[in-house]
Amino acid sequence: MIIHKRIQCDFEKGSVEIQINFDVFNNNVKVSKIQIHSTFDSGLPALPTFEEYKSKSFLVAHYCNADKKIFERIVGNIYADTITEQIREMIIEISKSL
């Protein structure tokens, strides 16, 4: 089952809208897709992935260079931290409702 959620985070410089698809299978909740739109230059990628490592959460951006090599980098800014916290809360909320 796929659950679609939309949240908006308002910051001093503008707003960021996040649309998230959660994939629910056997009572496990995983983030399957994230789309980010902002009204200002937030430095956030449009299509990041959500990664968890050692109880920490990260938004990860994926880039291709001219040689078609794929690079990943952790998005490290205050907006990403707020968004990852919101996503973690949503995962907990969805898990409790199952």
Protein backbone atom coordinates (compact mmCIF):
# COMPACT_ATOMS: atom_id res chain seq x y z
CA MET A 1 0.00 0.00 0.00
CA ILE A 2 1.22 3.50 -0.80
CA ILE A 3 0.32 6.46 1.41
CA HIS A 4 0.79 9.95 0.00
CA LYS A 5 1.37 12.87 2.36
CA ARG A 6 2.01 16.54 1.76
CA ILE A 7 3.49 18.99 4.23
CA GLN A 8 4.49 22.61 4.09
CA CYS A 9 7.25 24.10 6.19
CA ASP A 10 7.34 27.86 6.53
CA PHE A 11 10.66 29.58 7.09
CA GLU A 12 11.72 33.22 7.32
CA LYS A 13 12.81 33.26 3.65
CA GLY A 14 9.76 31.44 2.27
CA SER A 15 7.95 28.11 2.17
CA VAL A 16 8.98 24.58 1.28
CA GLU A 17 6.38 22.05 0.14
CA ILE A 18 7.25 18.39 0.49
CA GLN A 19 5.27 15.56 -1.10
CA ILE A 20 6.12 12.11 0.17
CA ASN A 21 5.08 8.59 -0.80
CA PHE A 22 5.31 6.01 1.95
CA ASP A 23 5.40 2.35 0.97
CA VAL A 24 3.72 0.17 3.61
CA PHE A 25 4.35 -3.58 3.46
CA ASN A 26 4.01 -6.09 6.33
CA ASN A 27 3.68 -3.21 8.83
CA ASN A 28 6.98 -1.69 7.66
CA VAL A 29 6.89 1.93 6.56
CA LYS A 30 9.51 3.13 4.07
CA VAL A 31 9.83 6.39 2.17
CA SER A 32 9.62 5.56 -1.52
CA LYS A 33 9.59 9.02 -3.11
CA ILE A 34 10.09 12.64 -2.08
CA GLN A 35 9.45 15.77 -4.13
CA ILE A 36 10.46 19.19 -2.83
CA HIS A 37 9.34 22.58 -4.11
CA SER A 38 10.35 25.85 -2.49
CA THR A 39 9.49 29.51 -2.99
CA PHE A 40 13.12 30.54 -2.39
CA ASP A 41 16.62 29.21 -3.04
CA SER A 42 16.65 26.64 -0.25
CA GLY A 43 19.55 24.56 -1.55
CA LEU A 44 17.32 21.47 -1.39
CA PRO A 45 17.23 19.00 -4.28
CA ALA A 46 13.90 18.46 -6.03
CA LEU A 47 14.03 14.64 -5.76
CA PRO A 48 16.13 13.54 -2.79
CA THR A 49 16.07 10.15 -1.13
CA PHE A 50 15.52 9.58 2.58
CA GLU A 51 18.26 7.52 4.22
CA GLU A 52 18.64 6.33 7.80
CA TYR A 53 21.95 5.29 9.31
CA LYS A 54 22.63 4.58 12.99
CA SER A 55 19.38 6.21 14.15
CA LYS A 56 20.07 9.37 12.13
CA SER A 57 18.10 10.53 9.10
CA PHE A 58 19.41 12.30 6.03
CA LEU A 59 18.18 13.70 2.75
CA VAL A 60 20.53 12.50 0.03
CA ALA A 61 20.91 14.22 -3.33
CA HIS A 62 22.02 12.32 -6.44
CA TYR A 63 23.99 13.95 -9.24
CA CYS A 64 25.48 12.86 -12.56
CA ASN A 65 28.67 14.33 -14.00
CA ALA A 66 29.55 14.60 -17.70
CA ASP A 67 30.95 11.04 -17.67
CA LYS A 68 27.59 9.76 -16.38
CA LYS A 69 29.06 8.89 -12.99
CA ILE A 70 26.50 9.13 -10.22
CA PHE A 71 27.44 11.03 -7.10
CA GLU A 72 25.57 11.22 -3.83
CA ARG A 73 25.83 13.81 -1.13
CA ILE A 74 24.07 14.39 2.13
CA VAL A 75 22.04 17.58 2.06
CA GLY A 76 23.28 19.48 5.08
CA ASN A 77 21.35 22.61 5.84
CA ILE A 78 18.77 23.76 8.37
CA TYR A 79 15.91 23.10 5.98
CA ALA A 80 16.94 19.48 5.43
CA ASP A 81 17.15 18.90 9.18
CA THR A 82 13.60 20.20 9.67
CA ILE A 83 12.28 18.08 6.80
CA THR A 84 13.94 14.87 7.99
CA GLU A 85 12.45 15.40 11.45
CA GLN A 86 8.99 15.88 9.93
CA ILE A 87 9.39 12.71 7.85
CA ARG A 88 10.48 10.68 10.89
CA GLU A 89 7.40 11.89 12.79
CA MET A 90 5.18 10.89 9.86
CA ILE A 91 6.71 7.40 9.74
CA ILE A 92 5.97 6.97 13.46
CA GLU A 93 2.42 8.27 13.00
CA ILE A 94 1.73 5.91 10.09
CA SER A 95 3.27 2.95 11.95
CA LYS A 96 1.02 3.58 14.96
CA SER A 97 -2.08 3.67 12.76
CA LEU A 98 -1.41 0.21 11.25
